[in-house]
C-alpha atoms as a PDB file:
ATOM      1  CA  MET A   1     110.791 101.465  -1.781  1.00  0.00           C
ATOM      2  CA  MET A   2     109.823 100.417  -5.188  1.00  0.00           C
ATOM      3  CA  HIS A   3     108.779 102.639  -8.318  1.00  0.00           C
ATOM      4  CA  GLY A   4     107.568 101.563 -11.646  1.00  0.00           C
ATOM      5  CA  LYS A   5     104.996  98.675 -12.343  1.00  0.00           C
ATOM      6  CA  SER A   6     104.635  95.856 -10.188  1.00  0.00           C
ATOM      7  CA  ARG A   7     102.934  92.545 -12.873  1.00  0.00           C
ATOM      8  CA  ILE A   8     100.780  90.107 -11.236  1.00  0.00           C
ATOM      9  CA  LEU A   9      98.888  87.312 -13.036  1.00  0.00           C
ATOM     10  CA  LEU A  10      95.586  86.558 -11.938  1.00  0.00           C
ATOM     11  CA  VAL A  11      94.081  83.106 -12.912  1.00  0.00           C
ATOM     12  CA  VAL A  12      90.069  83.359 -14.132  1.00  0.00           C
ATOM     13  CA  LEU A  13      88.968  80.762 -12.224  1.00  0.00           C
ATOM     14  CA  ALA A  14      85.456  80.813 -14.146  1.00  0.00           C
ATOM     15  CA  CYS A  15      87.025  79.259 -17.289  1.00  0.00           C
ATOM     16  CA  VAL A  16      85.095  76.176 -18.506  1.00  0.00           C
ATOM     17  CA  GLY A  17      88.224  74.455 -18.908  1.00  0.00           C
ATOM     18  CA  ILE A  18      88.539  73.912 -15.034  1.00  0.00           C
ATOM     19  CA  LEU A  19      85.003  73.336 -14.182  1.00  0.00           C
ATOM     20  CA  ALA A  20      85.625  70.538 -17.375  1.00  0.00           C
ATOM     21  CA  GLY A  21      88.530  68.839 -15.581  1.00  0.00           C
ATOM     22  CA  SER A  22      90.924  69.845 -18.146  1.00  0.00           C
ATOM     23  CA  SER A  23      93.453  72.933 -17.871  1.00  0.00           C
ATOM     24  CA  CYS A  24      93.067  76.250 -18.739  1.00  0.00           C
ATOM     25  CA  GLY A  25      94.827  77.676 -22.446  1.00  0.00           C
ATOM     26  CA  LYS A  26      97.596  80.798 -22.839  1.00  0.00           C
ATOM     27  CA  ASP A  27      94.392  82.679 -23.310  1.00  0.00           C
ATOM     28  CA  ASP A  28      92.414  82.129 -20.352  1.00  0.00           C
ATOM     29  CA  ILE A  29      94.971  84.047 -18.103  1.00  0.00           C
ATOM     30  CA  THR A  30      94.557  87.988 -16.988  1.00  0.00           C
ATOM     31  CA  GLU A  31      97.251  90.516 -16.611  1.00  0.00           C
ATOM     32  CA  LEU A  32      96.859  93.379 -14.565  1.00  0.00           C
ATOM     33  CA  SER A  33      99.123  96.066 -13.724  1.00  0.00           C
ATOM     34  CA  TYR A  34      99.487  97.568 -10.417  1.00  0.00           C
ATOM     35  CA  ASP A  35     101.367 101.056  -9.535  1.00  0.00           C
ATOM     36  CA  TYR A  36     103.207 102.142  -7.031  1.00  0.00           C
ATOM     37  CA  ILE A  37     102.561 105.523  -5.011  1.00  0.00           C
ATOM     38  CA  SER A  38     106.196 106.957  -5.018  1.00  0.00           C
ATOM     39  CA  GLY A  39     108.111 108.169  -1.642  1.00  0.00           C
ATOM     40  CA  SER A  40     107.730 106.804   1.638  1.00  0.00           C
ATOM     41  CA  LEU A  41     104.849 108.350   3.993  1.00  0.00           C
ATOM     42  CA  ARG A  42     106.039 110.284   7.085  1.00  0.00           C
ATOM     43  CA  PHE A  43     104.622 112.382   9.390  1.00  0.00           C
ATOM     44  CA  SER A  44     105.751 114.131  12.658  1.00  0.00           C
ATOM     45  CA  LEU A  45     104.229 114.024  16.315  1.00  0.00           C
ATOM     46  CA  PRO A  46     105.836 113.932  19.555  1.00  0.00           C
ATOM     47  CA  ASP A  47     107.543 111.015  21.324  1.00  0.00           C
ATOM     48  CA  TYR A  48     105.645 112.249  24.573  1.00  0.00           C
ATOM     49  CA  VAL A  49     101.991 113.946  24.622  1.00  0.00           C
ATOM     50  CA  SER A  50      99.569 115.405  27.014  1.00  0.00           C
ATOM     51  CA  PRO A  51      96.860 113.524  28.179  1.00  0.00           C
ATOM     52  CA  ASN A  52      93.380 114.460  26.420  1.00  0.00           C
ATOM     53  CA  THR A  53      95.222 116.786  23.968  1.00  0.00           C
ATOM     54  CA  GLU A  54      94.687 117.701  20.032  1.00  0.00           C
ATOM     55  CA  TYR A  55      97.255 116.780  17.733  1.00  0.00           C
ATOM     56  CA  THR A  56      97.363 116.617  14.002  1.00  0.00           C
ATOM     57  CA  ALA A  57      99.395 114.629  11.653  1.00  0.00           C
ATOM     58  CA  VAL A  58     100.406 116.059   8.130  1.00  0.00           C
ATOM     59  CA  PRO A  59     101.461 113.507   5.881  1.00  0.00           C
ATOM     60  CA  ALA A  60     104.152 114.299   3.287  1.00  0.00           C
ATOM     61  CA  GLY A  61     106.631 112.741   1.206  1.00  0.00           C
ATOM     62  CA  VAL A  62     104.481 110.507  -1.167  1.00  0.00           C
ATOM     63  CA  TYR A  63     103.434 111.946  -4.667  1.00  0.00           C
ATOM     64  CA  ARG A  64     102.064 109.626  -7.686  1.00  0.00           C
ATOM     65  CA  SER A  65     104.243 109.906 -10.660  1.00  0.00           C
ATOM     66  CA  ASP A  66     101.092 110.577 -13.196  1.00  0.00           C
ATOM     67  CA  GLY A  67      99.577 113.449 -10.893  1.00  0.00           C
ATOM     68  CA  GLY A  68      97.038 111.801  -9.934  1.00  0.00           C
ATOM     69  CA  ASP A  69      95.100 111.698  -6.671  1.00  0.00           C
ATOM     70  CA  PHE A  70      95.630 109.744  -3.293  1.00  0.00           C
ATOM     71  CA  GLY A  71      93.914 109.577   0.604  1.00  0.00           C
ATOM     72  CA  TYR A  72      95.025 108.474   3.652  1.00  0.00           C
ATOM     73  CA  TYR A  73      93.391 105.852   5.936  1.00  0.00           C
ATOM     74  CA  TRP A  74      94.358 106.485   9.606  1.00  0.00           C
ATOM     75  CA  VAL A  75      94.521 103.829  12.920  1.00  0.00           C
ATOM     76  CA  LEU A  76      94.819 104.962  16.248  1.00  0.00           C
ATOM     77  CA  SER A  77      95.821 102.259  18.832  1.00  0.00           C
ATOM     78  CA  THR A  78      94.717 103.164  21.946  1.00  0.00           C
ATOM     79  CA  SER A  79      92.603 101.640  24.844  1.00  0.00           C
ATOM     80  CA  GLY A  80      89.881 102.553  22.054  1.00  0.00           C
ATOM     81  CA  SER A  81      91.231 102.283  18.725  1.00  0.00           C
ATOM     82  CA  VAL A  82      89.522 104.478  16.158  1.00  0.00           C
ATOM     83  CA  ARG A  83      89.919 104.270  12.325  1.00  0.00           C
ATOM     84  CA  ASP A  84      88.790 106.807   9.605  1.00  0.00           C
ATOM     85  CA  THR A  85      89.563 108.227   6.801  1.00  0.00           C
ATOM     86  CA  THR A  86      91.070 111.713   5.342  1.00  0.00           C
ATOM     87  CA  LYS A  87      89.950 113.285   2.233  1.00  0.00           C
ATOM     88  CA  TRP A  88      91.782 112.642  -1.102  1.00  0.00           C
ATOM     89  CA  GLU A  89      94.949 115.131  -1.775  1.00  0.00           C
ATOM     90  CA  GLY A  90      92.890 116.291  -5.156  1.00  0.00           C
ATOM     91  CA  ASP A  91      89.806 117.852  -3.013  1.00  0.00           C
ATOM     92  CA  GLY A  92      90.847 121.180  -3.611  1.00  0.00           C
ATOM     93  CA  PRO A  93      94.378 123.541  -3.308  1.00  0.00           C
ATOM     94  CA  THR A  94      94.070 123.255   0.573  1.00  0.00           C
ATOM     95  CA  VAL A  95      93.363 119.431   1.407  1.00  0.00           C
ATOM     96  CA  SER A  96      96.426 118.181   2.693  1.00  0.00           C
ATOM     97  CA  GLY A  97      94.811 114.874   4.078  1.00  0.00           C
ATOM     98  CA  ALA A  98      95.633 115.923   7.485  1.00  0.00           C
ATOM     99  CA  TYR A  99      94.632 113.785  10.386  1.00  0.00           C
ATOM    100  CA  SER A 100      93.485 115.333  13.555  1.00  0.00           C
ATOM    101  CA  PHE A 101      93.264 113.152  16.665  1.00  0.00           C
ATOM    102  CA  ARG A 102      92.750 113.468  20.752  1.00  0.00           C
ATOM    103  CA  SER A 103      95.118 111.834  22.896  1.00  0.00           C
ATOM    104  CA  PRO A 104      93.733 109.779  25.294  1.00  0.00           C
ATOM    105  CA  SER A 105      93.401 110.505  29.264  1.00  0.00           C
ATOM    106  CA  SER A 106      94.880 107.418  30.638  1.00  0.00           C
ATOM    107  CA  LEU A 107      98.879 107.516  31.085  1.00  0.00           C
ATOM    108  CA  GLU A 108      99.922 104.873  28.258  1.00  0.00           C
ATOM    109  CA  THR A 109     101.645 104.217  25.550  1.00  0.00           C
ATOM    110  CA  PHE A 110      99.414 104.545  21.739  1.00  0.00           C
ATOM    111  CA  THR A 111     100.316 104.495  18.137  1.00  0.00           C
ATOM    112  CA  LEU A 112      98.959 106.344  15.098  1.00  0.00           C
ATOM    113  CA  SER A 113      99.392 104.262  11.335  1.00  0.00           C
ATOM    114  CA  GLY A 114      98.196 106.445   8.303  1.00  0.00           C
ATOM    115  CA  THR A 115      98.542 104.973   5.250  1.00  0.00           C
ATOM    116  CA  VAL A 116      98.405 105.942   1.554  1.00  0.00           C
ATOM    117  CA  TYR A 117      96.450 104.589  -0.884  1.00  0.00           C
ATOM    118  CA  ALA A 118      94.930 104.906  -4.271  1.00  0.00           C
ATOM    119  CA  TYR A 119      92.670 102.450  -6.849  1.00  0.00           C
ATOM    120  CA  ASN A 120      95.297 100.005  -8.824  1.00  0.00           C
ATOM    121  CA  HIS A 121      98.118 101.149  -6.447  1.00  0.00           C
ATOM    122  CA  VAL A 122     100.610 100.359  -3.395  1.00  0.00           C
ATOM    123  CA  GLY A 123     100.883 102.634  -1.086  1.00  0.00           C
ATOM    124  CA  SER A 124     102.756 102.614   2.005  1.00  0.00           C
ATOM    125  CA  THR A 125     102.498 102.932   6.156  1.00  0.00           C
ATOM    126  CA  PHE A 126     104.063 104.431   8.764  1.00  0.00           C
ATOM    127  CA  THR A 127     103.250 104.249  12.390  1.00  0.00           C
ATOM    128  CA  LYS A 128     104.543 107.048  15.211  1.00  0.00           C
ATOM    129  CA  THR A 129     104.657 105.510  18.705  1.00  0.00           C
ATOM    130  CA  MET A 130     103.618 107.939  21.253  1.00  0.00           C
ATOM    131  CA  THR A 131     103.693 108.114  25.525  1.00  0.00           C
ATOM    132  CA  VAL A 132     101.096 110.317  27.489  1.00  0.00           C
ATOM    133  CA  VAL A 133     102.863 111.961  30.399  1.00  0.00           C
ATOM    134  CA  ASP A 134     100.981 113.571  33.271  1.00  0.00           C
ATOM    135  CA  PRO A 135     103.931 116.142  34.207  1.00  0.00           C
ATOM    136  CA  SER A 136     102.609 116.914  37.657  1.00  0.00           C
ATOM    137  CA  LEU A 137     104.260 116.111  40.715  1.00  0.00           C
ATOM    138  CA  GLU A 138     103.598 112.486  41.300  1.00  0.00           C
ATOM    139  CA  GLY A 139     102.184 111.717  37.765  1.00  0.00           C
ATOM    140  CA  SER A 140     103.566 109.830  35.538  1.00  0.00           C
ATOM    141  CA  LEU A 141     106.893 109.989  37.612  1.00  0.00           C
ATOM    142  CA  LYS A 142     105.799 108.636  41.103  1.00  0.00           C
ATOM    143  CA  GLY A 143     107.798 107.138  43.881  1.00  0.00           C
ATOM    144  CA  ARG A 144     110.942 109.316  44.205  1.00  0.00           C
ATOM    145  CA  ASP A 145     110.722 109.869  48.188  1.00  0.00           C
ATOM    146  CA  PHE A 146     112.161 112.826  49.010  1.00  0.00           C
ATOM    147  CA  GLY A 147     112.102 111.663  52.604  1.00  0.00           C
ATOM    148  CA  PRO A 148     110.337 113.129  55.818  1.00  0.00           C
ATOM    149  CA  ASP A 149     112.943 115.768  56.231  1.00  0.00           C
ATOM    150  CA  ALA A 150     112.382 117.251  52.770  1.00  0.00           C
ATOM    151  CA  GLN A 151     111.889 121.100  52.454  1.00  0.00           C
ATOM    152  CA  THR A 152     110.875 123.103  49.454  1.00  0.00           C
ATOM    153  CA  TYR A 153     112.106 126.111  47.363  1.00  0.00           C
ATOM    154  CA  THR A 154     110.247 127.951  45.277  1.00  0.00           C
ATOM    155  CA  ASP A 155     112.274 129.729  41.907  1.00  0.00           C
ATOM    156  CA  ASP A 156     111.479 133.034  41.716  1.00  0.00           C
ATOM    157  CA  ARG A 157     112.091 133.215  38.019  1.00  0.00           C
ATOM    158  CA  ASP A 158     109.343 130.685  37.330  1.00  0.00           C
ATOM    159  CA  ALA A 159     107.445 129.771  40.528  1.00  0.00           C
ATOM    160  CA  ARG A 160     108.654 126.041  40.248  1.00  0.00           C
ATOM    161  CA  VAL A 161     108.666 124.388  43.300  1.00  0.00           C
ATOM    162  CA  TYR A 162     111.652 122.125  44.028  1.00  0.00           C
ATOM    163  CA  ARG A 163     112.346 119.512  46.974  1.00  0.00           C
ATOM    164  CA  TYR A 164     115.744 119.767  48.611  1.00  0.00           C
ATOM    165  CA  ARG A 165     117.307 118.649  52.101  1.00  0.00           C
ATOM    166  CA  ARG A 166     120.235 118.807  53.966  1.00  0.00           C
ATOM    167  CA  ILE A 167     122.920 116.102  53.034  1.00  0.00           C
ATOM    168  CA  ALA A 168     126.164 116.404  54.848  1.00  0.00           C
ATOM    169  CA  SER A 169     126.786 120.316  54.952  1.00  0.00           C
ATOM    170  CA  LEU A 170     125.141 121.333  51.870  1.00  0.00           C
ATOM    171  CA  ASP A 171     121.698 121.600  50.478  1.00  0.00           C
ATOM    172  CA  TRP A 172     120.974 119.333  47.717  1.00  0.00           C
ATOM    173  CA  MET A 173     118.149 119.897  45.466  1.00  0.00           C
ATOM    174  CA  LEU A 174     116.214 116.489  44.805  1.00  0.00           C
ATOM    175  CA  GLN A 175     114.547 116.985  41.467  1.00  0.00           C
ATOM    176  CA  ASN A 176     116.596 118.141  38.372  1.00  0.00           C
ATOM    177  CA  LEU A 177     116.698 121.640  37.243  1.00  0.00           C
ATOM    178  CA  ALA A 178     113.988 122.723  34.721  1.00  0.00           C
ATOM    179  CA  TYR A 179     114.555 125.929  34.038  1.00  0.00           C
ATOM    180  CA  THR A 180     113.618 126.703  31.090  1.00  0.00           C
ATOM    181  CA  GLY A 181     115.987 129.696  30.512  1.00  0.00           C
ATOM    182  CA  ALA A 182     118.066 127.211  28.762  1.00  0.00           C
ATOM    183  CA  GLY A 183     118.660 123.750  28.031  1.00  0.00           C
ATOM    184  CA  VAL A 184     116.422 120.573  26.239  1.00  0.00           C
ATOM    185  CA  THR A 185     113.863 118.546  27.422  1.00  0.00           C
ATOM    186  CA  MET A 186     113.433 114.452  26.603  1.00  0.00           C
ATOM    187  CA  ALA A 187     113.133 114.160  23.033  1.00  0.00           C
ATOM    188  CA  ASN A 188     112.709 117.581  22.698  1.00  0.00           C
ATOM    189  CA  CYS A 189     109.250 117.513  24.252  1.00  0.00           C
ATOM    190  CA  GLU A 190     108.510 119.900  26.815  1.00  0.00           C
ATOM    191  CA  VAL A 191     105.944 118.031  28.728  1.00  0.00           C
ATOM    192  CA  MET A 192     108.820 116.114  29.900  1.00  0.00           C
ATOM    193  CA  ASN A 193     110.052 119.270  31.666  1.00  0.00           C
ATOM    194  CA  ASP A 194     108.870 119.230  34.873  1.00  0.00           C
ATOM    195  CA  PRO A 195     109.279 115.006  35.360  1.00  0.00           C
ATOM    196  CA  TYR A 196     112.759 114.236  33.752  1.00  0.00           C
ATOM    197  CA  GLY A 197     114.238 118.255  34.509  1.00  0.00           C
ATOM    198  CA  ARG A 198     116.425 119.702  31.817  1.00  0.00           C
ATOM    199  CA  TYR A 199     119.424 119.008  29.482  1.00  0.00           C
ATOM    200  CA  TYR A 200     122.083 121.439  30.125  1.00  0.00           C
ATOM    201  CA  THR A 201     125.284 122.119  28.737  1.00  0.00           C
ATOM    202  CA  TRP A 202     128.140 122.768  30.798  1.00  0.00           C
ATOM    203  CA  ASP A 203     128.264 126.407  29.742  1.00  0.00           C
ATOM    204  CA  GLU A 204     124.471 126.811  30.174  1.00  0.00           C
ATOM    205  CA  ALA A 205     124.911 124.463  33.693  1.00  0.00           C
ATOM    206  CA  LYS A 206     127.128 127.273  35.072  1.00  0.00           C
ATOM    207  CA  THR A 207     124.593 130.197  35.122  1.00  0.00           C
ATOM    208  CA  VAL A 208     121.013 128.355  35.386  1.00  0.00           C
ATOM    209  CA  CYS A 209     121.032 127.532  39.130  1.00  0.00           C
ATOM    210  CA  PRO A 210     118.670 130.131  41.055  1.00  0.00           C
ATOM    211  CA  ALA A 211     119.725 132.812  43.096  1.00  0.00           C
ATOM    212  CA  GLY A 212     121.534 131.690  46.746  1.00  0.00           C
ATOM    213  CA  TRP A 213     122.490 128.202  44.651  1.00  0.00           C
ATOM    214  CA  ARG A 214     125.386 126.778  42.839  1.00  0.00           C
ATOM    215  CA  LEU A 215     126.229 124.064  40.448  1.00  0.00           C
ATOM    216  CA  PRO A 216     127.871 121.798  42.452  1.00  0.00           C
ATOM    217  CA  SER A 217     131.832 121.019  42.089  1.00  0.00           C
ATOM    218  CA  GLY A 218     134.015 118.141  42.614  1.00  0.00           C
ATOM    219  CA  ALA A 219     134.869 118.967  46.229  1.00  0.00           C
ATOM    220  CA  ASP A 220     130.544 119.301  46.924  1.00  0.00           C
ATOM    221  CA  TRP A 221     130.339 115.767  45.305  1.00  0.00           C
ATOM    222  CA  ASP A 222     133.614 114.575  47.331  1.00  0.00           C
ATOM    223  CA  THR A 223     131.904 115.990  50.483  1.00  0.00           C
ATOM    224  CA  LEU A 224     128.483 114.031  49.913  1.00  0.00           C
ATOM    225  CA  ALA A 225     130.582 110.895  48.995  1.00  0.00           C
ATOM    226  CA  ALA A 226     132.515 111.259  52.289  1.00  0.00           C
ATOM    227  CA  SER A 227     129.061 110.946  54.396  1.00  0.00           C
ATOM    228  CA  LEU A 228     128.708 107.366  52.775  1.00  0.00           C
ATOM    229  CA  ASN A 229     132.497 106.525  53.546  1.00  0.00           C
ATOM    230  CA  ALA A 230     133.565 106.910  49.902  1.00  0.00           C
ATOM    231  CA  GLN A 231     137.039 107.872  49.325  1.00  0.00           C
ATOM    232  CA  ALA A 232     136.819 111.349  47.445  1.00  0.00           C
ATOM    233  CA  GLY A 233     138.479 111.555  44.005  1.00  0.00           C
ATOM    234  CA  GLY A 234     137.584 109.605  41.243  1.00  0.00           C
ATOM    235  CA  THR A 235     134.915 106.683  41.051  1.00  0.00           C
ATOM    236  CA  TYR A 236     132.854 106.482  44.602  1.00  0.00           C
ATOM    237  CA  LYS A 237     132.645 102.785  45.136  1.00  0.00           C
ATOM    238  CA  GLY A 238     129.344 101.128  46.098  1.00  0.00           C
ATOM    239  CA  ILE A 239     126.974 104.143  46.967  1.00  0.00           C
ATOM    240  CA  ALA A 240     125.302 104.696  44.054  1.00  0.00           C
ATOM    241  CA  GLY A 241     122.252 102.729  45.449  1.00  0.00           C
ATOM    242  CA  GLU A 242     122.143 105.282  47.937  1.00  0.00           C
ATOM    243  CA  LEU A 243     121.328 108.162  45.455  1.00  0.00           C
ATOM    244  CA  MET A 244     118.776 106.126  43.477  1.00  0.00           C
ATOM    245  CA  SER A 245     115.833 106.214  43.731  1.00  0.00           C
ATOM    246  CA  ASN A 246     113.291 103.142  42.723  1.00  0.00           C
ATOM    247  CA  ALA A 247     110.922 105.125  41.066  1.00  0.00           C
ATOM    248  CA  THR A 248     108.883 104.476  37.963  1.00  0.00           C
ATOM    249  CA  PHE A 249     107.076 105.968  34.987  1.00  0.00           C
ATOM    250  CA  ASN A 250     103.689 105.289  34.176  1.00  0.00           C
ATOM    251  CA  GLY A 251     103.613 102.201  36.148  1.00  0.00           C
ATOM    252  CA  SER A 252     107.205 100.883  34.970  1.00  0.00           C
ATOM    253  CA  ARG A 253     110.258 100.541  37.057  1.00  0.00           C
ATOM    254  CA  MET A 254     112.786 103.218  35.971  1.00  0.00           C
ATOM    255  CA  TRP A 255     116.061 101.732  37.142  1.00  0.00           C
ATOM    256  CA  ASP A 256     116.603  97.978  35.625  1.00  0.00           C
ATOM    257  CA  TYR A 257     117.196  95.490  38.215  1.00  0.00           C
ATOM    258  CA  TRP A 258     120.579  93.953  38.634  1.00  0.00           C
ATOM    259  CA  PRO A 259     121.993  91.809  41.354  1.00  0.00           C
ATOM    260  CA  ALA A 260     125.360  93.973  41.783  1.00  0.00           C
ATOM    261  CA  VAL A 261     123.143  97.268  42.750  1.00  0.00           C
ATOM    262  CA  LYS A 262     120.828  97.529  45.637  1.00  0.00           C
ATOM    263  CA  ILE A 263     118.905 100.304  45.592  1.00  0.00           C
ATOM    264  CA  THR A 264     117.911 102.218  48.909  1.00  0.00           C
ATOM    265  CA  ASN A 265     118.016 105.815  48.563  1.00  0.00           C
ATOM    266  CA  GLU A 266     119.129 106.326  51.882  1.00  0.00           C
ATOM    267  CA  THR A 267     120.251 110.176  51.226  1.00  0.00           C
ATOM    268  CA  HIS A 268     117.001 110.551  49.650  1.00  0.00           C
ATOM    269  CA  PHE A 269     118.906 112.230  46.461  1.00  0.00           C
ATOM    270  CA  CYS A 270     116.657 110.382  44.356  1.00  0.00           C
ATOM    271  CA  ALA A 271     118.484 109.830  40.953  1.00  0.00           C
ATOM    272  CA  VAL A 272     116.363 108.663  38.024  1.00  0.00           C
ATOM    273  CA  PRO A 273     118.320 107.211  34.769  1.00  0.00           C
ATOM    274  CA  THR A 274     116.837 110.393  32.977  1.00  0.00           C
ATOM    275  CA  GLY A 275     119.768 110.049  30.257  1.00  0.00           C
ATOM    276  CA  TYR A 276     121.957 112.594  28.765  1.00  0.00           C
ATOM    277  CA  ALA A 277     121.795 114.320  25.365  1.00  0.00           C
ATOM    278  CA  ILE A 278     124.001 115.906  22.262  1.00  0.00           C
ATOM    279  CA  VAL A 279     122.889 119.234  20.861  1.00  0.00           C
ATOM    280  CA  ASP A 280     123.211 120.497  17.946  1.00  0.00           C
ATOM    281  CA  GLY A 281     123.787 123.873  16.438  1.00  0.00           C
ATOM    282  CA  ASN A 282     120.302 124.448  16.250  1.00  0.00           C
ATOM    283  CA  GLY A 283     119.563 123.960  19.727  1.00  0.00           C
ATOM    284  CA  GLN A 284     118.054 119.910  18.935  1.00  0.00           C
ATOM    285  CA  GLY A 285     119.206 117.601  21.532  1.00  0.00           C
ATOM    286  CA  THR A 286     118.916 113.623  20.344  1.00  0.00           C
ATOM    287  CA  PHE A 287     119.118 111.615  23.548  1.00  0.00           C
ATOM    288  CA  PHE A 288     120.891 108.762  24.850  1.00  0.00           C
ATOM    289  CA  GLY A 289     121.027 106.360  27.985  1.00  0.00           C
ATOM    290  CA  ASN A 290     117.025 106.949  29.071  1.00  0.00           C
ATOM    291  CA  LEU A 291     116.536 104.234  31.757  1.00  0.00           C
ATOM    292  CA  GLU A 292     120.165 103.252  32.091  1.00  0.00           C
ATOM    293  CA  TYR A 293     122.042 106.283  33.074  1.00  0.00           C
ATOM    294  CA  ALA A 294     121.717 109.906  35.258  1.00  0.00           C
ATOM    295  CA  ALA A 295     124.582 112.370  34.304  1.00  0.00           C
ATOM    296  CA  PHE A 296     124.642 115.313  36.123  1.00  0.00           C
ATOM    297  CA  TRP A 297     127.245 118.128  36.170  1.00  0.00           C
ATOM    298  CA  THR A 298     130.052 119.337  38.206  1.00  0.00           C
ATOM    299  CA  SER A 299     131.010 122.938  38.144  1.00  0.00           C
ATOM    300  CA  ASP A 300     135.223 121.654  37.627  1.00  0.00           C
ATOM    301  CA  SER A 301     136.670 121.850  34.218  1.00  0.00           C
ATOM    302  CA  TYR A 302     138.561 119.260  32.873  1.00  0.00           C
ATOM    303  CA  ASN A 303     140.157 121.520  30.010  1.00  0.00           C
ATOM    304  CA  ASP A 304     139.232 124.004  27.656  1.00  0.00           C
ATOM    305  CA  GLU A 305     136.682 122.008  25.727  1.00  0.00           C
ATOM    306  CA  GLN A 306     135.262 119.908  28.275  1.00  0.00           C
ATOM    307  CA  GLY A 307     133.457 119.716  31.553  1.00  0.00           C
ATOM    308  CA  VAL A 308     133.444 116.891  34.333  1.00  0.00           C
ATOM    309  CA  TYR A 309     130.222 115.353  35.375  1.00  0.00           C
ATOM    310  CA  ARG A 310     129.360 112.543  38.049  1.00  0.00           C
ATOM    311  CA  TYR A 311     127.378 109.580  36.428  1.00  0.00           C
ATOM    312  CA  ILE A 312     125.228 106.724  37.405  1.00  0.00           C
ATOM    313  CA  PHE A 313     124.879 103.219  35.147  1.00  0.00           C
ATOM    314  CA  ALA A 314     122.311 100.785  36.068  1.00  0.00           C
ATOM    315  CA  SER A 315     124.547  97.860  36.547  1.00  0.00           C
ATOM    316  CA  ARG A 316     127.197  99.423  38.444  1.00  0.00           C
ATOM    317  CA  PRO A 317     127.292 100.481  42.079  1.00  0.00           C
ATOM    318  CA  ASP A 318     129.415 102.876  41.727  1.00  0.00           C
ATOM    319  CA  VAL A 319     129.111 106.941  41.276  1.00  0.00           C
ATOM    320  CA  MET A 320     131.477 107.449  38.193  1.00  0.00           C
ATOM    321  CA  VAL A 321     133.088 110.376  36.706  1.00  0.00           C
ATOM    322  CA  GLY A 322     133.505 111.376  32.979  1.00  0.00           C
ATOM    323  CA  ASN A 323     134.088 114.182  30.628  1.00  0.00           C
ATOM    324  CA  GLY A 324     132.157 116.123  27.822  1.00  0.00           C
ATOM    325  CA  HIS A 325     132.029 118.594  25.531  1.00  0.00           C
ATOM    326  CA  LYS A 326     131.126 122.110  27.331  1.00  0.00           C
ATOM    327  CA  ASP A 327     129.008 123.155  24.504  1.00  0.00           C
ATOM    328  CA  SER A 328     127.385 119.739  23.009  1.00  0.00           C
ATOM    329  CA  PHE A 329     127.308 117.044  25.608  1.00  0.00           C
ATOM    330  CA  ALA A 330     124.159 118.096  28.045  1.00  0.00           C
ATOM    331  CA  ALA A 331     123.364 116.793  31.401  1.00  0.00           C
ATOM    332  CA  SER A 332     121.210 117.067  34.210  1.00  0.00           C
ATOM    333  CA  VAL A 333     121.678 119.865  36.791  1.00  0.00           C
ATOM    334  CA  ARG A 334     121.368 119.521  40.622  1.00  0.00           C
ATOM    335  CA  CYS A 335     121.890 122.588  42.337  1.00  0.00           C
ATOM    336  CA  VAL A 336     123.148 122.887  46.176  1.00  0.00           C
ATOM    337  CA  ARG A 337     123.957 125.995  48.606  1.00  0.00           C
ATOM    338  CA  ASP A 338     125.745 125.867  51.960  1.00  0.00           C
ATOM    339  CA  ALA A 339     123.286 124.199  54.290  1.00  0.00           C
ATOM    340  CA  GLU A 340     120.860 126.776  56.491  1.00  0.00           C
END
């Protein structure tokens, strides 16, 4: 961002010399001066929003070095775009220039752009992209295919309902755990809690499954792999497609197509690529691998600092094994129990 004054020379087109076919003289040049509004415009809004819900953008980060007023111009670009202007910063001590809007009812990705402006000043623009999410079953996340024999379990802690089925000798939950007593949500947006499930550190994952259920051990994963004729231990060769679901999110395919991977979801495990997170000391997550990875904690410990997780990568037909820091790496949780 530039500060101070930028000189712009404008030729006065009305000078008699042009009309007479002669060039304009030095005295016919008018010099105008423009100041820059200092700083960079910013406002904070969630990446994922609920349908038909009111949100407010509160602009910040800009000022005039001369202490003067400025205003904001807003463009909400949805299936029905809206353009509006908020009050000037200087209209009163309580005026913030904030802009309130209602998110679309349809499941779409849209933007809000704000521009700061003032007479004889050059401003700046900031744009935020948001996605409307329906968190209900078969809302934004569709087509997981739990299978005809899937049963339901209701978590007494929050009344959430999970689909599960028997795979080999275990009952496996077919949805990522979404218990809000721990963990973080995708992009720290609560509307993503149910469709994606939460991301838990290993320390949290050890304790979040409902009563009667547990975090699966490496041996539990070996049992699942053996039912698909994969060798126990390290990488499970060639079985990822049997665990992956050809689900869509807001109408777009989640797992990208790769010729090496044939997605059948034969087990109805319904793995979707929700990625993983790194959680900071304030409990906020930074998210990676969305639409590329599905990562699930095991109860196994690699060493005092790292736990063991199983993961699927979009372009690989295998289920691989990795290690993550127990109190900062956050992955999905699938709970299991001995089959009833």
